[in-house]
Amino acid sequence: MRADRVRARQGFRKPVVRGTRIMPEAITGSYELGESIEELQAGFPSLSIIQIKRLIEFAHDWDRRTRS
């Protein structure tokens, strides 16, 4: 996902998808619990499957950067 599509909300310092209140951790948490990408897309219909896949990648990269 392009960096300009995910940004930290002021005061929260957690990334969100621009124009939404969706935090990547909401997607990745469900994904890690076994929810399929198609199920995630049904739960977040404003996001495409490609966006969800990129969010998962972004969140993993974000975790790596913030933990080091």
Protein backbone atom coordinates (compact mmCIF):
# COMPACT_ATOMS: atom_id res chain seq x y z
CA MET A 1 0.00 0.00 0.00
CA ARG A 2 1.35 3.40 -0.85
CA ALA A 3 2.58 5.32 2.16
CA ASP A 4 0.30 8.26 1.32
CA ARG A 5 -2.73 5.99 1.76
CA VAL A 6 -1.85 5.03 5.34
CA ARG A 7 -0.95 7.67 7.88
CA ALA A 8 -0.75 8.12 11.64
CA ARG A 9 -3.78 9.84 13.11
CA GLN A 10 -2.79 12.91 15.07
CA GLY A 11 -2.73 12.18 18.77
CA PHE A 12 -2.97 8.42 18.30
CA ARG A 13 0.23 7.75 16.34
CA LYS A 14 -1.31 4.62 14.94
CA PRO A 15 -1.65 4.20 11.20
CA VAL A 16 -5.06 4.34 9.54
CA VAL A 17 -6.22 4.06 5.96
CA ARG A 18 -6.62 7.58 4.64
CA GLY A 19 -10.26 8.62 4.48
CA THR A 20 -11.32 5.89 6.91
CA ARG A 21 -10.96 4.99 10.55
CA ILE A 22 -9.66 1.54 9.66
CA MET A 23 -6.43 0.66 11.43
CA PRO A 24 -4.24 -1.99 9.80
CA GLU A 25 -4.19 -3.88 13.10
CA ALA A 26 -7.95 -4.43 12.77
CA ILE A 27 -7.29 -6.20 9.49
CA THR A 28 -4.18 -8.08 10.58
CA GLY A 29 -5.66 -9.18 13.88
CA SER A 30 -8.59 -10.82 12.14
CA TYR A 31 -6.32 -12.25 9.45
CA GLU A 32 -3.99 -13.78 12.04
CA LEU A 33 -7.01 -15.34 13.77
CA GLY A 34 -7.82 -17.18 10.55
CA GLU A 35 -10.22 -14.89 8.73
CA SER A 36 -9.73 -15.10 4.97
CA ILE A 37 -9.02 -12.08 2.82
CA GLU A 38 -12.44 -12.52 1.21
CA GLU A 39 -14.11 -12.51 4.65
CA LEU A 40 -12.16 -9.38 5.58
CA GLN A 41 -13.31 -7.69 2.39
CA ALA A 42 -16.93 -8.56 3.25
CA GLY A 43 -16.42 -6.95 6.66
CA PHE A 44 -14.67 -3.91 5.22
CA PRO A 45 -16.49 -3.38 1.90
CA SER A 46 -14.86 0.02 1.33
CA LEU A 47 -11.52 -1.79 0.83
CA SER A 48 -10.60 -3.90 -2.18
CA ILE A 49 -8.89 -7.27 -1.84
CA ILE A 50 -5.69 -5.70 -3.17
CA GLN A 51 -5.89 -2.96 -0.52
CA ILE A 52 -6.38 -5.56 2.22
CA LYS A 53 -3.36 -7.55 1.04
CA ARG A 54 -1.28 -4.37 1.00
CA LEU A 55 -2.55 -3.40 4.44
CA ILE A 56 -1.41 -6.74 5.83
CA GLU A 57 2.04 -6.19 4.29
CA PHE A 58 2.14 -2.59 5.58
CA ALA A 59 1.15 -3.62 9.10
CA HIS A 60 3.85 -6.27 9.28
CA ASP A 61 6.44 -3.74 8.08
CA TRP A 62 5.08 -1.16 10.58
CA ASP A 63 5.42 -3.62 13.45
CA ARG A 64 8.99 -4.42 12.46
CA ARG A 65 9.93 -0.73 12.31
CA THR A 66 8.28 0.24 15.58
CA ARG A 67 9.66 -2.70 17.55
CA SER A 68 13.28 -2.12 16.61
